[in-house]
Amino acid sequence: MSVNNAQLKSIVERIERLEEEKKAIGQDIKDIYAEAKGNGFDVAALREIVRLRKQDPNERQEQETILETYMQALGMLPLFAAAAE
């Protein structure tokens, strides 16, 4: 098996550069969550919102329906159900 050393080196260096960028972006995101927390926002809720916004709307609706079904089966009131009564 022959290896193109220059091409291999280029690929590895590009991956390493992207890994460094990913690390920096991860730190930036961490800093933003810390800023949000400092301003009184609930970080867990923010993370959940970001996660939900990434989902396909149909997938999210299906997941919410399943969650509500399970909550009802366990005798738990769905969110805001008490206010509607």
PDB file of N, CA and C in Angstrom:
ATOM      1  N   MET A   1       0.847  -1.177   0.000  1.00  0.00           N
ATOM      2  CA  MET A   1       0.000   0.000   0.000  1.00  0.00           C
ATOM      3  C   MET A   1       0.890   1.238   0.000  1.00  0.00           C
ATOM      4  N   SER A   2       0.655   2.096  -0.955  1.00  0.00           N
ATOM      5  CA  SER A   2       1.441   3.327  -0.998  1.00  0.00           C
ATOM      6  C   SER A   2       0.647   4.451  -0.338  1.00  0.00           C
ATOM      7  N   VAL A   3       1.372   5.322   0.320  1.00  0.00           N
ATOM      8  CA  VAL A   3       0.752   6.426   1.038  1.00  0.00           C
ATOM      9  C   VAL A   3       1.292   7.726   0.467  1.00  0.00           C
ATOM     10  N   ASN A   4       0.390   8.610   0.138  1.00  0.00           N
ATOM     11  CA  ASN A   4       0.782   9.940  -0.307  1.00  0.00           C
ATOM     12  C   ASN A   4       1.008  10.761   0.957  1.00  0.00           C
ATOM     13  N   ASN A   5       2.279  10.894   1.339  1.00  0.00           N
ATOM     14  CA  ASN A   5       2.625  11.554   2.601  1.00  0.00           C
ATOM     15  C   ASN A   5       2.116  12.987   2.683  1.00  0.00           C
ATOM     16  N   ALA A   6       2.241  13.723   1.608  1.00  0.00           N
ATOM     17  CA  ALA A   6       1.813  15.122   1.619  1.00  0.00           C
ATOM     18  C   ALA A   6       0.298  15.226   1.813  1.00  0.00           C
ATOM     19  N   GLN A   7      -0.427  14.363   1.125  1.00  0.00           N
ATOM     20  CA  GLN A   7      -1.886  14.383   1.256  1.00  0.00           C
ATOM     21  C   GLN A   7      -2.308  13.967   2.663  1.00  0.00           C
ATOM     22  N   LEU A   8      -1.676  12.936   3.191  1.00  0.00           N
ATOM     23  CA  LEU A   8      -1.984  12.471   4.538  1.00  0.00           C
ATOM     24  C   LEU A   8      -1.709  13.563   5.562  1.00  0.00           C
ATOM     25  N   LYS A   9      -0.563  14.218   5.428  1.00  0.00           N
ATOM     26  CA  LYS A   9      -0.197  15.291   6.354  1.00  0.00           C
ATOM     27  C   LYS A   9      -1.216  16.427   6.278  1.00  0.00           C
ATOM     28  N   SER A  10      -1.637  16.772   5.073  1.00  0.00           N
ATOM     29  CA  SER A  10      -2.624  17.836   4.883  1.00  0.00           C
ATOM     30  C   SER A  10      -3.950  17.483   5.553  1.00  0.00           C
ATOM     31  N   ILE A  11      -4.384  16.258   5.392  1.00  0.00           N
ATOM     32  CA  ILE A  11      -5.646  15.813   5.998  1.00  0.00           C
ATOM     33  C   ILE A  11      -5.559  15.880   7.515  1.00  0.00           C
ATOM     34  N   VAL A  12      -4.478  15.356   8.066  1.00  0.00           N
ATOM     35  CA  VAL A  12      -4.306  15.357   9.521  1.00  0.00           C
ATOM     36  C   VAL A  12      -4.257  16.785  10.054  1.00  0.00           C
ATOM     37  N   GLU A  13      -3.545  17.660   9.378  1.00  0.00           N
ATOM     38  CA  GLU A  13      -3.448  19.052   9.829  1.00  0.00           C
ATOM     39  C   GLU A  13      -4.796  19.761   9.764  1.00  0.00           C
ATOM     40  N   ARG A  14      -5.579  19.473   8.727  1.00  0.00           N
ATOM     41  CA  ARG A  14      -6.916  20.076   8.631  1.00  0.00           C
ATOM     42  C   ARG A  14      -7.810  19.594   9.767  1.00  0.00           C
ATOM     43  N   ILE A  15      -7.745  18.310  10.065  1.00  0.00           N
ATOM     44  CA  ILE A  15      -8.534  17.768  11.176  1.00  0.00           C
ATOM     45  C   ILE A  15      -8.110  18.415  12.486  1.00  0.00           C
ATOM     46  N   GLU A  16      -6.807  18.514  12.698  1.00  0.00           N
ATOM     47  CA  GLU A  16      -6.303  19.132  13.935  1.00  0.00           C
ATOM     48  C   GLU A  16      -6.755  20.585  14.059  1.00  0.00           C
ATOM     49  N   ARG A  17      -6.718  21.313  12.958  1.00  0.00           N
ATOM     50  CA  ARG A  17      -7.143  22.715  12.977  1.00  0.00           C
ATOM     51  C   ARG A  17      -8.632  22.811  13.331  1.00  0.00           C
ATOM     52  N   LEU A  18      -9.445  21.950  12.744  1.00  0.00           N
ATOM     53  CA  LEU A  18     -10.879  21.951  13.044  1.00  0.00           C
ATOM     54  C   LEU A  18     -11.153  21.539  14.486  1.00  0.00           C
ATOM     55  N   GLU A  19     -10.368  20.586  14.995  1.00  0.00           N
ATOM     56  CA  GLU A  19     -10.521  20.185  16.401  1.00  0.00           C
ATOM     57  C   GLU A  19     -10.227  21.361  17.329  1.00  0.00           C
ATOM     58  N   GLU A  20      -9.218  22.151  16.996  1.00  0.00           N
ATOM     59  CA  GLU A  20      -8.898  23.337  17.797  1.00  0.00           C
ATOM     60  C   GLU A  20     -10.029  24.360  17.730  1.00  0.00           C
ATOM     61  N   GLU A  21     -10.580  24.555  16.533  1.00  0.00           N
ATOM     62  CA  GLU A  21     -11.708  25.481  16.385  1.00  0.00           C
ATOM     63  C   GLU A  21     -12.910  24.994  17.186  1.00  0.00           C
ATOM     64  N   LYS A  22     -13.143  23.684  17.138  1.00  0.00           N
ATOM     65  CA  LYS A  22     -14.264  23.095  17.879  1.00  0.00           C
ATOM     66  C   LYS A  22     -14.080  23.321  19.378  1.00  0.00           C
ATOM     67  N   LYS A  23     -12.854  23.164  19.843  1.00  0.00           N
ATOM     68  CA  LYS A  23     -12.552  23.385  21.260  1.00  0.00           C
ATOM     69  C   LYS A  23     -12.824  24.838  21.642  1.00  0.00           C
ATOM     70  N   ALA A  24     -12.401  25.765  20.797  1.00  0.00           N
ATOM     71  CA  ALA A  24     -12.622  27.191  21.065  1.00  0.00           C
ATOM     72  C   ALA A  24     -14.109  27.522  21.058  1.00  0.00           C
ATOM     73  N   ILE A  25     -14.844  26.967  20.115  1.00  0.00           N
ATOM     74  CA  ILE A  25     -16.286  27.205  20.051  1.00  0.00           C
ATOM     75  C   ILE A  25     -16.969  26.629  21.285  1.00  0.00           C
ATOM     76  N   GLY A  26     -16.541  25.444  21.709  1.00  0.00           N
ATOM     77  CA  GLY A  26     -17.090  24.847  22.930  1.00  0.00           C
ATOM     78  C   GLY A  26     -16.884  25.744  24.134  1.00  0.00           C
ATOM     79  N   GLN A  27     -15.718  26.357  24.220  1.00  0.00           N
ATOM     80  CA  GLN A  27     -15.441  27.281  25.325  1.00  0.00           C
ATOM     81  C   GLN A  27     -16.316  28.523  25.216  1.00  0.00           C
ATOM     82  N   ASP A  28     -16.513  29.019  23.997  1.00  0.00           N
ATOM     83  CA  ASP A  28     -17.385  30.181  23.793  1.00  0.00           C
ATOM     84  C   ASP A  28     -18.814  29.876  24.247  1.00  0.00           C
ATOM     85  N   ILE A  29     -19.299  28.697  23.910  1.00  0.00           N
ATOM     86  CA  ILE A  29     -20.651  28.298  24.316  1.00  0.00           C
ATOM     87  C   ILE A  29     -20.734  28.210  25.833  1.00  0.00           C
ATOM     88  N   LYS A  30     -19.721  27.622  26.451  1.00  0.00           N
ATOM     89  CA  LYS A  30     -19.678  27.531  27.911  1.00  0.00           C
ATOM     90  C   LYS A  30     -19.726  28.919  28.535  1.00  0.00           C
ATOM     91  N   ASP A  31     -18.989  29.862  27.959  1.00  0.00           N
ATOM     92  CA  ASP A  31     -18.975  31.239  28.462  1.00  0.00           C
ATOM     93  C   ASP A  31     -20.348  31.893  28.342  1.00  0.00           C
ATOM     94  N   ILE A  32     -21.049  31.620  27.250  1.00  0.00           N
ATOM     95  CA  ILE A  32     -22.381  32.202  27.063  1.00  0.00           C
ATOM     96  C   ILE A  32     -23.358  31.641  28.093  1.00  0.00           C
ATOM     97  N   TYR A  33     -23.280  30.339  28.367  1.00  0.00           N
ATOM     98  CA  TYR A  33     -24.144  29.759  29.401  1.00  0.00           C
ATOM     99  C   TYR A  33     -23.827  30.369  30.768  1.00  0.00           C
ATOM    100  N   ALA A  34     -22.553  30.604  31.046  1.00  0.00           N
ATOM    101  CA  ALA A  34     -22.174  31.236  32.315  1.00  0.00           C
ATOM    102  C   ALA A  34     -22.726  32.657  32.385  1.00  0.00           C
ATOM    103  N   GLU A  35     -22.666  33.367  31.276  1.00  0.00           N
ATOM    104  CA  GLU A  35     -23.233  34.721  31.217  1.00  0.00           C
ATOM    105  C   GLU A  35     -24.741  34.680  31.471  1.00  0.00           C
ATOM    106  N   ALA A  36     -25.408  33.728  30.839  1.00  0.00           N
ATOM    107  CA  ALA A  36     -26.857  33.591  31.022  1.00  0.00           C
ATOM    108  C   ALA A  36     -27.191  33.307  32.481  1.00  0.00           C
ATOM    109  N   LYS A  37     -26.418  32.404  33.091  1.00  0.00           N
ATOM    110  CA  LYS A  37     -26.631  32.080  34.502  1.00  0.00           C
ATOM    111  C   LYS A  37     -26.427  33.317  35.366  1.00  0.00           C
ATOM    112  N   GLY A  38     -25.402  34.086  35.065  1.00  0.00           N
ATOM    113  CA  GLY A  38     -25.129  35.314  35.800  1.00  0.00           C
ATOM    114  C   GLY A  38     -26.242  36.341  35.671  1.00  0.00           C
ATOM    115  N   ASN A  39     -26.997  36.258  34.585  1.00  0.00           N
ATOM    116  CA  ASN A  39     -28.119  37.161  34.362  1.00  0.00           C
ATOM    117  C   ASN A  39     -29.439  36.578  34.861  1.00  0.00           C
ATOM    118  N   GLY A  40     -29.359  35.454  35.587  1.00  0.00           N
ATOM    119  CA  GLY A  40     -30.545  34.888  36.214  1.00  0.00           C
ATOM    120  C   GLY A  40     -31.314  33.874  35.392  1.00  0.00           C
ATOM    121  N   PHE A  41     -30.781  33.467  34.259  1.00  0.00           N
ATOM    122  CA  PHE A  41     -31.467  32.469  33.444  1.00  0.00           C
ATOM    123  C   PHE A  41     -31.130  31.064  33.933  1.00  0.00           C
ATOM    124  N   ASP A  42     -32.076  30.155  33.796  1.00  0.00           N
ATOM    125  CA  ASP A  42     -31.885  28.756  34.162  1.00  0.00           C
ATOM    126  C   ASP A  42     -31.156  28.059  33.010  1.00  0.00           C
ATOM    127  N   VAL A  43     -29.936  27.640  33.263  1.00  0.00           N
ATOM    128  CA  VAL A  43     -29.092  27.062  32.215  1.00  0.00           C
ATOM    129  C   VAL A  43     -29.657  25.735  31.712  1.00  0.00           C
ATOM    130  N   ALA A  44     -30.209  24.922  32.602  1.00  0.00           N
ATOM    131  CA  ALA A  44     -30.784  23.646  32.170  1.00  0.00           C
ATOM    132  C   ALA A  44     -31.936  23.886  31.200  1.00  0.00           C
ATOM    133  N   ALA A  45     -32.763  24.883  31.487  1.00  0.00           N
ATOM    134  CA  ALA A  45     -33.874  25.206  30.591  1.00  0.00           C
ATOM    135  C   ALA A  45     -33.354  25.710  29.247  1.00  0.00           C
ATOM    136  N   LEU A  46     -32.312  26.527  29.270  1.00  0.00           N
ATOM    137  CA  LEU A  46     -31.729  27.018  28.020  1.00  0.00           C
ATOM    138  C   LEU A  46     -31.173  25.867  27.184  1.00  0.00           C
ATOM    139  N   ARG A  47     -30.490  24.936  27.832  1.00  0.00           N
ATOM    140  CA  ARG A  47     -29.940  23.787  27.103  1.00  0.00           C
ATOM    141  C   ARG A  47     -31.061  22.965  26.471  1.00  0.00           C
ATOM    142  N   GLU A  48     -32.164  22.798  27.205  1.00  0.00           N
ATOM    143  CA  GLU A  48     -33.306  22.045  26.684  1.00  0.00           C
ATOM    144  C   GLU A  48     -33.918  22.772  25.481  1.00  0.00           C
ATOM    145  N   ILE A  49     -34.045  24.084  25.568  1.00  0.00           N
ATOM    146  CA  ILE A  49     -34.592  24.859  24.450  1.00  0.00           C
ATOM    147  C   ILE A  49     -33.702  24.718  23.217  1.00  0.00           C
ATOM    148  N   VAL A  50     -32.403  24.820  23.397  1.00  0.00           N
ATOM    149  CA  VAL A  50     -31.473  24.673  22.270  1.00  0.00           C
ATOM    150  C   VAL A  50     -31.609  23.277  21.664  1.00  0.00           C
ATOM    151  N   ARG A  51     -31.716  22.262  22.516  1.00  0.00           N
ATOM    152  CA  ARG A  51     -31.874  20.884  22.034  1.00  0.00           C
ATOM    153  C   ARG A  51     -33.169  20.734  21.235  1.00  0.00           C
ATOM    154  N   LEU A  52     -34.261  21.290  21.766  1.00  0.00           N
ATOM    155  CA  LEU A  52     -35.554  21.179  21.093  1.00  0.00           C
ATOM    156  C   LEU A  52     -35.569  21.926  19.758  1.00  0.00           C
ATOM    157  N   ARG A  53     -34.912  23.071  19.708  1.00  0.00           N
ATOM    158  CA  ARG A  53     -34.897  23.859  18.468  1.00  0.00           C
ATOM    159  C   ARG A  53     -34.123  23.160  17.351  1.00  0.00           C
ATOM    160  N   LYS A  54     -33.214  22.259  17.721  1.00  0.00           N
ATOM    161  CA  LYS A  54     -32.452  21.513  16.719  1.00  0.00           C
ATOM    162  C   LYS A  54     -33.275  20.381  16.115  1.00  0.00           C
ATOM    163  N   GLN A  55     -34.319  19.960  16.821  1.00  0.00           N
ATOM    164  CA  GLN A  55     -35.120  18.830  16.362  1.00  0.00           C
ATOM    165  C   GLN A  55     -36.040  19.222  15.213  1.00  0.00           C
ATOM    166  N   ASP A  56     -36.349  18.247  14.397  1.00  0.00           N
ATOM    167  CA  ASP A  56     -37.373  18.403  13.378  1.00  0.00           C
ATOM    168  C   ASP A  56     -38.709  18.630  14.095  1.00  0.00           C
ATOM    169  N   PRO A  57     -39.540  19.579  13.630  1.00  0.00           N
ATOM    170  CA  PRO A  57     -40.804  19.865  14.319  1.00  0.00           C
ATOM    171  C   PRO A  57     -41.709  18.645  14.486  1.00  0.00           C
ATOM    172  N   ASN A  58     -41.770  17.779  13.485  1.00  0.00           N
ATOM    173  CA  ASN A  58     -42.600  16.575  13.592  1.00  0.00           C
ATOM    174  C   ASN A  58     -42.047  15.617  14.637  1.00  0.00           C
ATOM    175  N   GLU A  59     -40.733  15.480  14.656  1.00  0.00           N
ATOM    176  CA  GLU A  59     -40.081  14.615  15.643  1.00  0.00           C
ATOM    177  C   GLU A  59     -40.322  15.147  17.051  1.00  0.00           C
ATOM    178  N   ARG A  60     -40.220  16.464  17.202  1.00  0.00           N
ATOM    179  CA  ARG A  60     -40.439  17.085  18.505  1.00  0.00           C
ATOM    180  C   ARG A  60     -41.877  16.871  18.965  1.00  0.00           C
ATOM    181  N   GLN A  61     -42.847  17.037  18.053  1.00  0.00           N
ATOM    182  CA  GLN A  61     -44.253  16.841  18.399  1.00  0.00           C
ATOM    183  C   GLN A  61     -44.505  15.400  18.820  1.00  0.00           C
ATOM    184  N   GLU A  62     -43.917  14.460  18.104  1.00  0.00           N
ATOM    185  CA  GLU A  62     -44.081  13.048  18.441  1.00  0.00           C
ATOM    186  C   GLU A  62     -43.515  12.765  19.829  1.00  0.00           C
ATOM    187  N   GLN A  63     -42.350  13.316  20.118  1.00  0.00           N
ATOM    188  CA  GLN A  63     -41.725  13.114  21.424  1.00  0.00           C
ATOM    189  C   GLN A  63     -42.582  13.723  22.533  1.00  0.00           C
ATOM    190  N   GLU A  64     -43.144  14.913  22.293  1.00  0.00           N
ATOM    191  CA  GLU A  64     -43.996  15.560  23.285  1.00  0.00           C
ATOM    192  C   GLU A  64     -45.266  14.751  23.529  1.00  0.00           C
ATOM    193  N   THR A  65     -45.832  14.169  22.473  1.00  0.00           N
ATOM    194  CA  THR A  65     -47.028  13.339  22.605  1.00  0.00           C
ATOM    195  C   THR A  65     -46.735  12.106  23.447  1.00  0.00           C
ATOM    196  N   ILE A  66     -45.611  11.470  23.192  1.00  0.00           N
ATOM    197  CA  ILE A  66     -45.221  10.288  23.970  1.00  0.00           C
ATOM    198  C   ILE A  66     -45.010  10.666  25.430  1.00  0.00           C
ATOM    199  N   LEU A  67     -44.325  11.775  25.671  1.00  0.00           N
ATOM    200  CA  LEU A  67     -44.084  12.233  27.035  1.00  0.00           C
ATOM    201  C   LEU A  67     -45.403  12.479  27.761  1.00  0.00           C
ATOM    202  N   GLU A  68     -46.344  13.146  27.104  1.00  0.00           N
ATOM    203  CA  GLU A  68     -47.642  13.417  27.719  1.00  0.00           C
ATOM    204  C   GLU A  68     -48.387  12.121  28.013  1.00  0.00           C
ATOM    205  N   THR A  69     -48.328  11.166  27.099  1.00  0.00           N
ATOM    206  CA  THR A  69     -48.975   9.868  27.313  1.00  0.00           C
ATOM    207  C   THR A  69     -48.396   9.178  28.540  1.00  0.00           C
ATOM    208  N   TYR A  70     -47.086   9.179  28.668  1.00  0.00           N
ATOM    209  CA  TYR A  70     -46.434   8.554  29.818  1.00  0.00           C
ATOM    210  C   TYR A  70     -46.799   9.272  31.110  1.00  0.00           C
ATOM    211  N   MET A  71     -46.828  10.605  31.070  1.00  0.00           N
ATOM    212  CA  MET A  71     -47.168  11.370  32.268  1.00  0.00           C
ATOM    213  C   MET A  71     -48.594  11.057  32.715  1.00  0.00           C
ATOM    214  N   GLN A  72     -49.516  10.968  31.778  1.00  0.00           N
ATOM    215  CA  GLN A  72     -50.896  10.631  32.113  1.00  0.00           C
ATOM    216  C   GLN A  72     -50.979   9.224  32.683  1.00  0.00           C
ATOM    217  N   ALA A  73     -50.235   8.290  32.113  1.00  0.00           N
ATOM    218  CA  ALA A  73     -50.248   6.910  32.595  1.00  0.00           C
ATOM    219  C   ALA A  73     -49.727   6.810  34.020  1.00  0.00           C
ATOM    220  N   LEU A  74     -48.839   7.724  34.398  1.00  0.00           N
ATOM    221  CA  LEU A  74     -48.269   7.726  35.743  1.00  0.00           C
ATOM    222  C   LEU A  74     -49.058   8.602  36.707  1.00  0.00           C
ATOM    223  N   GLY A  75     -50.173   9.174  36.229  1.00  0.00           N
ATOM    224  CA  GLY A  75     -50.997  10.008  37.088  1.00  0.00           C
ATOM    225  C   GLY A  75     -50.442  11.401  37.299  1.00  0.00           C
ATOM    226  N   MET A  76     -49.551  11.809  36.441  1.00  0.00           N
ATOM    227  CA  MET A  76     -48.966  13.151  36.534  1.00  0.00           C
ATOM    228  C   MET A  76     -49.756  14.074  35.619  1.00  0.00           C
ATOM    229  N   LEU A  77     -50.010  15.285  36.089  1.00  0.00           N
ATOM    230  CA  LEU A  77     -50.724  16.237  35.247  1.00  0.00           C
ATOM    231  C   LEU A  77     -49.788  16.778  34.182  1.00  0.00           C
ATOM    232  N   PRO A  78     -50.254  16.862  32.947  1.00  0.00           N
ATOM    233  CA  PRO A  78     -49.434  17.533  31.934  1.00  0.00           C
ATOM    234  C   PRO A  78     -49.258  18.996  32.316  1.00  0.00           C
ATOM    235  N   LEU A  79     -48.225  19.600  31.831  1.00  0.00           N
ATOM    236  CA  LEU A  79     -47.971  21.004  32.129  1.00  0.00           C
ATOM    237  C   LEU A  79     -49.175  21.853  31.760  1.00  0.00           C
ATOM    238  N   PHE A  80     -49.534  22.745  32.630  1.00  0.00           N
ATOM    239  CA  PHE A  80     -50.599  23.724  32.443  1.00  0.00           C
ATOM    240  C   PHE A  80     -52.003  23.125  32.475  1.00  0.00           C
ATOM    241  N   ALA A  81     -52.163  21.833  32.718  1.00  0.00           N
ATOM    242  CA  ALA A  81     -53.495  21.234  32.757  1.00  0.00           C
ATOM    243  C   ALA A  81     -54.288  21.767  33.940  1.00  0.00           C
ATOM    244  N   ALA A  82     -53.638  21.971  35.069  1.00  0.00           N
ATOM    245  CA  ALA A  82     -54.330  22.469  36.254  1.00  0.00           C
ATOM    246  C   ALA A  82     -54.854  23.875  36.015  1.00  0.00           C
ATOM    247  N   ALA A  83     -54.152  24.671  35.263  1.00  0.00           N
ATOM    248  CA  ALA A  83     -54.577  26.044  34.988  1.00  0.00           C
ATOM    249  C   ALA A  83     -55.786  26.073  34.062  1.00  0.00           C
ATOM    250  N   ALA A  84     -55.934  25.064  33.222  1.00  0.00           N
ATOM    251  CA  ALA A  84     -57.047  25.018  32.277  1.00  0.00           C
ATOM    252  C   ALA A  84     -58.346  24.596  32.946  1.00  0.00           C
ATOM    253  N   GLU A  85     -58.260  23.987  34.126  1.00  0.00           N
ATOM    254  CA  GLU A  85     -59.462  23.496  34.814  1.00  0.00           C
ATOM    255  C   GLU A  85     -60.164  24.585  35.558  1.00  0.00           C
TER     256      GLU A  85
END
